[in-house]
Amino acid sequence: MEDATFTALLHDANALLTDVMETEMTTKSPWETTISTQSTATSESEDDPMSTDDRGLKKKSKPTYYARRDEIQTLQAELEVMTKRMEELQRAKQLEEFGQMDGAVVQNVLLRNGLKQTDLALASMQSIFANYRAMHGRNPLEVHIRLSADPTQRHGTLKALRAERLREATDFILERVRYLDVRRSHRESESFELPNGDHVVVQCEVDAARFNTDVKQVFDDVVTAILHQEFTIGEALGVTTTLESDGPEDRSYSQSRELTTLPDGAQVEENKAVFSSFSLGTPQLMVPHGLVVLHPIAEDERYPFQPHQRVRQDGTMVLLVCPLPGQDRGVSVIRWSHTHMYKPQCGISLLQEMRIRDMTARSSEIIRNNALEFVLGRAGHA
């Protein structure tokens, strides 16, 4: 009686173990499940110590889990062989189809496929670069400028910064347009929001004046347009801009503070250092050229930022005027800018914030067009 009870309990335990193993394998494909079920039935009888085969001999077999694993590995190997065979058949079919085509048609198909892959690769790279800029928002020319309230110290600080800022800006702008044909116009603009809610606008522009003109004269016209921006922007956008500037008469450096008021009452404040130079040639660029560089002032004891009253905006710009390369006669005006608008803390509406963003992007275009009007008008091409 005890032997019969023990045998029944052991049989029930084996059945329970089999049920658990079948439950764990329910995620397999249908054909694997069918094979595994048959294997389970065999393993149950083999694992039962009280069961015997037709010859009355006990068998020692592998557990159900390992049997299933071996079956799965066998099926996977067979699937891999079948997949390779299918790929070979597909390639053979394509070659057969190409063999029936004209040689020019085949070449055109291959060329189009190659161009498509190139386009997809470029699109992927552009997505990577755009995501990096939007995530980090780095300004490649970022520098922390701090000005004291003392006038003498302010001038001393800006004068000391000038040479290094001009050198670094020249290196950057030449590298930025290294692979561009600066004999032709080029426009590139990108705006994005940073994870912290700030907004950034990055622009790169090339304008070529294809007529006989003097580089120094074009540079002076561009500087004049920048100095008159408060009037041109105000007239074009209907805003009011107050500009305060402090610097020497030669304009080699200066501090400029702008306060812009939109028609809806929102205000934008921008405080920046301006450095400029004209050279007949340097080790970096051995042709006559003019350069204007703008950097935001991070801290100013005389004009501290008041983010709870107005929106803060930091602008970085490099503007290069140089002759067209090669034997072409004319001048190229190259501009790169990075404008960082901080997330408003002064309680303006979302609509007002969007208007400020639009104004930021359009302001650069207005200044550029005004500068070109000066240049073309003087040359008689307006």
Protein backbone atom coordinates (compact mmCIF):
# COMPACT_ATOMS: atom_id res chain seq x y z
CA MET A 1 0.00 0.00 0.00
CA GLU A 2 2.81 2.39 0.89
CA ASP A 3 4.62 1.61 -2.40
CA ALA A 4 1.49 2.42 -4.40
CA THR A 5 1.03 5.73 -2.55
CA PHE A 6 4.68 6.69 -3.04
CA THR A 7 4.45 5.89 -6.76
CA ALA A 8 1.34 8.05 -7.17
CA LEU A 9 2.93 11.00 -5.37
CA LEU A 10 6.07 10.74 -7.45
CA HIS A 11 4.03 10.59 -10.63
CA ASP A 12 2.07 13.71 -9.58
CA ALA A 13 5.32 15.58 -8.82
CA ASN A 14 6.67 14.77 -12.27
CA ALA A 15 3.43 15.90 -13.86
CA LEU A 16 3.59 19.20 -11.93
CA LEU A 17 7.19 19.78 -12.99
CA THR A 18 6.20 19.15 -16.60
CA ASP A 19 3.36 21.68 -16.36
CA VAL A 20 5.75 24.34 -15.02
CA MET A 21 8.24 23.74 -17.82
CA GLU A 22 5.47 23.92 -20.45
CA THR A 23 4.24 27.22 -18.98
CA GLU A 24 7.73 28.77 -19.20
CA MET A 25 8.03 27.80 -22.84
CA THR A 26 4.70 29.30 -24.01
CA THR A 27 6.49 32.16 -25.80
CA LYS A 28 7.97 29.83 -28.40
CA SER A 29 6.68 29.57 -31.96
CA PRO A 30 3.81 27.17 -32.80
CA TRP A 31 5.96 24.58 -34.52
CA GLU A 32 8.42 24.53 -31.58
CA THR A 33 5.51 24.03 -29.16
CA THR A 34 4.26 20.97 -31.09
CA ILE A 35 7.67 19.34 -31.08
CA SER A 36 8.22 20.19 -27.44
CA THR A 37 4.89 18.62 -26.42
CA GLN A 38 5.90 15.32 -27.95
CA SER A 39 9.28 15.52 -26.28
CA THR A 40 7.62 16.25 -22.93
CA ALA A 41 5.48 13.13 -23.15
CA THR A 42 8.53 11.03 -23.84
CA SER A 43 10.55 12.64 -21.07
CA GLU A 44 7.81 12.10 -18.51
CA SER A 45 7.84 8.37 -19.00
CA GLU A 46 11.60 8.30 -19.08
CA ASP A 47 12.02 10.37 -15.93
CA ASP A 48 9.54 8.20 -14.00
CA PRO A 49 11.65 5.74 -12.01
CA MET A 50 8.74 3.22 -11.98
CA SER A 51 8.37 3.12 -15.77
CA THR A 52 10.18 0.68 -18.08
CA ASP A 53 10.47 0.25 -21.83
CA ASP A 54 9.21 -2.73 -23.82
CA ARG A 55 12.28 -4.73 -22.90
CA GLY A 56 11.80 -4.00 -19.20
CA LEU A 57 14.97 -1.90 -18.95
CA LYS A 58 15.19 1.46 -17.21
CA LYS A 59 16.29 4.47 -19.29
CA LYS A 60 18.32 7.45 -18.15
CA SER A 61 17.36 10.44 -20.37
CA LYS A 62 18.07 14.20 -20.44
CA PRO A 63 15.69 16.48 -18.52
CA THR A 64 12.87 18.10 -20.52
CA TYR A 65 14.46 21.57 -20.45
CA TYR A 66 17.71 20.40 -22.08
CA ALA A 67 15.86 18.32 -24.65
CA ARG A 68 13.84 21.36 -25.69
CA ARG A 69 16.93 23.52 -25.78
CA ASP A 70 18.64 21.11 -28.17
CA GLU A 71 15.56 21.03 -30.39
CA ILE A 72 15.41 24.83 -30.50
CA GLN A 73 19.09 25.06 -31.40
CA THR A 74 18.56 22.54 -34.18
CA LEU A 75 15.63 24.52 -35.58
CA GLN A 76 17.58 27.78 -35.38
CA ALA A 77 20.46 26.23 -37.31
CA GLU A 78 18.05 24.98 -39.97
CA LEU A 79 16.43 28.43 -40.16
CA GLU A 80 19.80 30.08 -40.66
CA VAL A 81 20.62 27.74 -43.53
CA MET A 82 17.23 28.40 -45.14
CA THR A 83 17.66 32.17 -44.77
CA LYS A 84 21.04 32.14 -46.48
CA ARG A 85 19.62 30.03 -49.28
CA MET A 86 16.73 32.45 -49.74
CA GLU A 87 19.17 35.41 -49.97
CA GLU A 88 21.18 33.56 -52.60
CA LEU A 89 18.03 32.93 -54.63
CA GLN A 90 17.04 36.60 -54.38
CA ARG A 91 20.47 37.75 -55.56
CA ALA A 92 20.33 35.27 -58.42
CA LYS A 93 16.92 36.62 -59.40
CA GLN A 94 18.20 40.21 -59.37
CA LEU A 95 21.18 39.27 -61.52
CA GLU A 96 18.85 37.51 -63.94
CA GLU A 97 16.66 40.61 -64.15
CA PHE A 98 19.71 42.84 -64.66
CA GLY A 99 20.91 40.49 -67.37
CA GLN A 100 17.75 41.20 -69.34
CA MET A 101 18.23 44.97 -69.04
CA ASP A 102 20.30 47.33 -71.11
CA GLY A 103 23.72 48.15 -69.63
CA ALA A 104 22.84 51.83 -69.23
CA VAL A 105 19.63 50.94 -67.40
CA VAL A 106 21.50 48.68 -64.98
CA GLN A 107 24.06 51.39 -64.32
CA ASN A 108 21.30 53.91 -63.71
CA VAL A 109 19.56 51.59 -61.23
CA LEU A 110 22.78 50.98 -59.33
CA LEU A 111 23.57 54.70 -59.31
CA ARG A 112 20.14 55.60 -57.96
CA ASN A 113 20.44 52.98 -55.22
CA GLY A 114 23.85 54.35 -54.27
CA LEU A 115 22.56 57.93 -54.14
CA LYS A 116 19.61 56.84 -52.04
CA GLN A 117 21.91 55.22 -49.49
CA THR A 118 24.06 58.38 -49.44
CA ASP A 119 20.99 60.56 -48.86
CA LEU A 120 19.86 58.35 -46.00
CA ALA A 121 23.33 58.46 -44.43
CA LEU A 122 23.43 62.26 -44.68
CA ALA A 123 19.94 62.52 -43.20
CA SER A 124 21.04 60.36 -40.28
CA MET A 125 24.14 62.51 -39.70
CA GLN A 126 22.09 65.70 -39.81
CA SER A 127 19.72 64.23 -37.26
CA ILE A 128 22.64 63.39 -34.98
CA PHE A 129 24.10 66.90 -35.24
CA ALA A 130 20.73 68.58 -34.74
CA ASN A 131 19.98 66.48 -31.67
CA TYR A 132 23.41 67.24 -30.20
CA ARG A 133 22.94 70.99 -30.66
CA ALA A 134 19.42 70.89 -29.24
CA MET A 135 20.49 68.85 -26.22
CA HIS A 136 23.63 70.79 -25.33
CA GLY A 137 23.14 74.21 -26.95
CA ARG A 138 26.88 74.90 -26.91
CA ASN A 139 28.19 78.18 -28.22
CA PRO A 140 31.56 77.39 -29.87
CA LEU A 141 32.77 80.94 -29.18
CA GLU A 142 31.46 81.17 -25.63
CA VAL A 143 33.55 83.28 -23.27
CA HIS A 144 32.72 84.70 -19.83
CA ILE A 145 33.14 88.49 -19.87
CA ARG A 146 32.75 90.43 -16.64
CA LEU A 147 32.85 94.24 -16.49
CA SER A 148 33.20 96.34 -13.37
CA ALA A 149 31.43 99.63 -12.79
CA ASP A 150 34.68 101.61 -13.00
CA PRO A 151 35.06 103.20 -16.49
CA THR A 152 38.84 102.77 -16.62
CA GLN A 153 38.67 99.11 -15.67
CA ARG A 154 35.90 98.50 -18.20
CA HIS A 155 38.01 99.86 -21.04
CA GLY A 156 41.06 97.97 -19.81
CA THR A 157 39.16 94.68 -19.76
CA LEU A 158 37.78 95.09 -23.29
CA LYS A 159 41.13 96.21 -24.68
CA ALA A 160 42.88 93.20 -23.14
CA LEU A 161 40.30 90.80 -24.61
CA ARG A 162 40.35 92.20 -28.13
CA ALA A 163 43.33 90.43 -29.73
CA GLU A 164 42.39 86.96 -28.50
CA ARG A 165 38.71 87.37 -29.41
CA LEU A 166 39.59 88.45 -32.96
CA ARG A 167 42.08 85.61 -33.41
CA GLU A 168 39.68 82.94 -32.17
CA ALA A 169 36.81 84.31 -34.25
CA THR A 170 38.96 84.29 -37.40
CA ASP A 171 39.93 80.67 -36.85
CA PHE A 172 36.31 79.70 -36.33
CA ILE A 173 34.74 81.53 -39.28
CA LEU A 174 37.39 80.26 -41.71
CA GLU A 175 36.78 76.70 -40.55
CA ARG A 176 33.00 77.18 -40.66
CA VAL A 177 33.04 78.04 -44.38
CA ARG A 178 36.06 75.91 -45.36
CA TYR A 179 34.04 73.71 -47.73
CA LEU A 180 31.59 76.37 -48.92
CA ASP A 181 31.93 78.26 -52.18
CA VAL A 182 31.96 81.83 -50.86
CA ARG A 183 31.58 83.15 -54.41
CA ARG A 184 27.90 82.18 -54.22
CA SER A 185 25.16 83.17 -51.78
CA HIS A 186 24.39 80.78 -48.96
CA ARG A 187 21.73 80.86 -46.22
CA GLU A 188 21.50 78.53 -43.27
CA SER A 189 19.28 79.08 -40.22
CA GLU A 190 18.33 76.79 -37.36
CA SER A 191 16.33 77.41 -34.20
CA PHE A 192 15.60 75.04 -31.35
CA GLU A 193 14.53 74.90 -27.73
CA LEU A 194 16.92 73.63 -25.06
CA PRO A 195 15.86 71.16 -22.34
CA ASN A 196 15.70 74.01 -19.79
CA GLY A 197 13.28 76.08 -21.90
CA ASP A 198 15.83 78.51 -23.39
CA HIS A 199 15.69 79.19 -27.13
CA VAL A 200 18.61 79.35 -29.57
CA VAL A 201 18.89 80.66 -33.13
CA VAL A 202 22.00 79.78 -35.16
CA GLN A 203 22.60 81.37 -38.57
CA CYS A 204 25.32 81.22 -41.21
CA GLU A 205 25.20 83.43 -44.30
CA VAL A 206 27.40 84.21 -47.27
CA ASP A 207 26.76 87.13 -49.63
CA ALA A 208 28.97 87.71 -52.66
CA ALA A 209 29.27 91.10 -54.37
CA ARG A 210 30.45 90.21 -57.89
CA PHE A 211 31.68 93.58 -59.04
CA ASN A 212 34.84 95.60 -58.73
CA THR A 213 34.78 97.18 -55.29
CA ASP A 214 37.13 97.95 -52.44
CA VAL A 215 37.19 95.58 -49.44
CA LYS A 216 37.79 98.42 -46.98
CA GLN A 217 34.85 100.40 -48.33
CA VAL A 218 32.51 97.42 -48.09
CA PHE A 219 33.70 96.79 -44.54
CA ASP A 220 32.98 100.40 -43.55
CA ASP A 221 29.49 100.16 -45.04
CA VAL A 222 28.78 96.98 -43.08
CA VAL A 223 29.97 98.57 -39.82
CA THR A 224 27.76 101.59 -40.51
CA ALA A 225 24.75 99.31 -40.97
CA ILE A 226 25.46 97.65 -37.62
CA LEU A 227 25.73 101.02 -35.88
CA HIS A 228 22.36 102.10 -37.31
CA GLN A 229 20.54 98.88 -36.49
CA GLU A 230 18.38 100.47 -33.80
CA PHE A 231 16.72 102.61 -36.47
CA THR A 232 16.46 100.01 -39.23
CA ILE A 233 15.08 97.30 -36.95
CA GLY A 234 12.67 99.69 -35.29
CA GLU A 235 11.31 100.86 -38.62
CA ALA A 236 10.97 97.36 -40.08
CA LEU A 237 9.49 95.59 -37.03
CA GLY A 238 7.66 98.40 -35.30
CA VAL A 239 9.73 98.10 -32.12
CA THR A 240 11.54 100.72 -30.07
CA THR A 241 15.24 100.18 -29.41
CA THR A 242 17.43 102.20 -27.07
CA LEU A 243 21.16 101.76 -27.68
CA GLU A 244 23.94 102.79 -25.30
CA SER A 245 27.54 102.41 -26.43
CA ASP A 246 30.88 103.10 -24.81
CA GLY A 247 34.25 102.80 -26.55
CA PRO A 248 37.15 104.66 -28.17
CA GLU A 249 36.75 106.73 -31.33
CA ASP A 250 38.55 104.20 -33.52
CA ARG A 251 35.81 101.62 -32.75
CA SER A 252 38.40 98.93 -32.12
CA TYR A 253 36.33 97.80 -29.14
CA SER A 254 33.19 98.93 -27.34
CA GLN A 255 30.46 97.91 -24.94
CA SER A 256 26.93 98.11 -26.33
CA ARG A 257 23.67 97.72 -24.43
CA GLU A 258 20.32 97.43 -26.23
CA LEU A 259 16.87 97.62 -24.72
CA THR A 260 14.09 96.71 -27.16
CA THR A 261 10.39 97.22 -26.42
CA LEU A 262 7.80 95.39 -28.51
CA PRO A 263 4.38 96.89 -29.31
CA ASP A 264 2.75 94.53 -26.78
CA GLY A 265 4.99 95.88 -24.00
CA ALA A 266 7.45 92.97 -23.70
CA GLN A 267 11.07 94.06 -23.31
CA VAL A 268 14.31 92.39 -24.38
CA GLU A 269 17.74 93.31 -23.01
CA GLU A 270 21.07 92.54 -24.66
CA ASN A 271 24.51 93.57 -23.41
CA LYS A 272 27.53 92.80 -25.57
CA ALA A 273 31.16 93.58 -26.27
CA VAL A 274 32.08 94.57 -29.83
CA PHE A 275 35.55 94.09 -31.33
CA SER A 276 36.55 95.09 -34.85
CA SER A 277 39.64 95.34 -37.02
CA PHE A 278 40.77 95.79 -40.61
CA SER A 279 43.99 94.22 -41.81
CA LEU A 280 45.88 94.00 -45.08
CA GLY A 281 46.73 90.44 -44.15
CA THR A 282 47.50 88.19 -41.18
CA PRO A 283 49.08 84.73 -40.78
CA GLN A 284 45.54 83.36 -40.57
CA LEU A 285 44.19 85.16 -43.65
CA MET A 286 46.81 86.69 -45.92
CA VAL A 287 44.49 89.01 -47.87
CA PRO A 288 42.90 92.35 -46.96
CA HIS A 289 39.92 91.71 -44.73
CA GLY A 290 37.70 93.29 -42.10
CA LEU A 291 36.35 91.55 -39.03
CA VAL A 292 33.61 92.36 -36.51
CA VAL A 293 33.10 90.14 -33.45
CA LEU A 294 30.27 90.38 -30.89
CA HIS A 295 30.30 88.61 -27.53
CA PRO A 296 27.66 88.74 -24.78
CA ILE A 297 28.69 90.25 -21.46
CA ALA A 298 27.93 87.71 -18.76
CA GLU A 299 28.19 90.09 -15.78
CA ASP A 300 28.09 93.88 -15.73
CA GLU A 301 28.21 95.79 -12.45
CA ARG A 302 26.98 98.93 -14.19
CA TYR A 303 24.11 97.24 -16.02
CA PRO A 304 23.07 94.12 -14.06
CA PHE A 305 20.50 91.94 -15.78
CA GLN A 306 16.96 92.06 -14.41
CA PRO A 307 15.31 88.84 -15.64
CA HIS A 308 12.15 89.45 -13.60
CA GLN A 309 11.49 92.66 -15.54
CA ARG A 310 12.67 91.86 -19.07
CA VAL A 311 13.86 88.96 -21.23
CA ARG A 312 17.61 88.42 -21.40
CA GLN A 313 19.20 87.69 -24.76
CA ASP A 314 22.87 86.87 -25.47
CA GLY A 315 24.17 87.39 -28.98
CA THR A 316 27.44 86.13 -30.46
CA MET A 317 28.40 87.09 -34.01
CA VAL A 318 31.36 86.93 -36.38
CA LEU A 319 31.29 89.02 -39.56
CA LEU A 320 34.09 88.72 -42.11
CA VAL A 321 34.54 90.86 -45.24
CA CYS A 322 37.20 89.60 -47.67
CA PRO A 323 37.95 89.40 -51.41
CA LEU A 324 36.46 86.61 -53.48
CA PRO A 325 38.91 83.71 -53.82
CA GLY A 326 40.78 83.03 -57.03
CA GLN A 327 40.74 85.44 -59.95
CA ASP A 328 37.17 86.59 -59.40
CA ARG A 329 36.70 90.29 -58.72
CA GLY A 330 34.44 91.22 -55.87
CA VAL A 331 33.92 90.89 -52.14
CA SER A 332 32.38 88.22 -49.93
CA VAL A 333 30.52 89.07 -46.73
CA ILE A 334 30.36 86.10 -44.34
CA ARG A 335 28.32 86.14 -41.14
CA TRP A 336 27.79 83.55 -38.41
CA SER A 337 25.66 84.19 -35.32
CA HIS A 338 24.46 82.37 -32.21
CA THR A 339 21.59 84.04 -30.33
CA HIS A 340 20.55 82.64 -26.96
CA MET A 341 17.22 83.81 -25.52
CA TYR A 342 16.78 82.80 -21.89
CA LYS A 343 13.50 81.36 -20.69
CA PRO A 344 11.37 84.36 -19.66
CA GLN A 345 10.98 84.94 -15.93
CA CYS A 346 9.09 88.22 -16.21
CA GLY A 347 5.60 86.77 -16.62
CA ILE A 348 5.04 87.39 -20.34
CA SER A 349 2.61 85.19 -22.27
CA LEU A 350 3.56 82.39 -24.63
CA LEU A 351 2.42 84.51 -27.57
CA GLN A 352 4.74 87.34 -26.51
CA GLU A 353 7.60 84.87 -26.19
CA MET A 354 6.95 83.61 -29.73
CA ARG A 355 6.99 87.18 -31.06
CA ILE A 356 10.39 87.76 -29.46
CA ARG A 357 11.71 84.61 -31.11
CA ASP A 358 10.47 85.76 -34.51
CA MET A 359 11.97 89.20 -33.96
CA THR A 360 15.35 87.67 -33.12
CA ALA A 361 15.49 85.70 -36.37
CA ARG A 362 14.30 88.62 -38.51
CA SER A 363 16.61 91.22 -36.93
CA SER A 364 19.71 89.64 -38.44
CA GLU A 365 18.11 89.60 -41.89
CA ILE A 366 17.19 93.27 -41.61
CA ILE A 367 20.73 94.29 -40.62
CA ARG A 368 22.17 92.21 -43.48
CA ASN A 369 19.82 93.72 -46.06
CA ASN A 370 20.57 97.22 -44.79
CA ALA A 371 24.31 96.58 -45.12
CA LEU A 372 23.87 95.28 -48.68
CA GLU A 373 21.87 98.39 -49.55
CA PHE A 374 24.81 100.53 -48.43
CA VAL A 375 27.26 98.44 -50.48
CA LEU A 376 25.15 98.20 -53.64
CA GLY A 377 24.09 101.83 -53.48
CA ARG A 378 27.66 103.09 -53.28
CA ALA A 379 28.67 100.88 -56.23
CA GLY A 380 25.69 101.99 -58.31
CA HIS A 381 24.05 98.54 -58.35
CA ALA A 382 21.08 99.31 -56.10
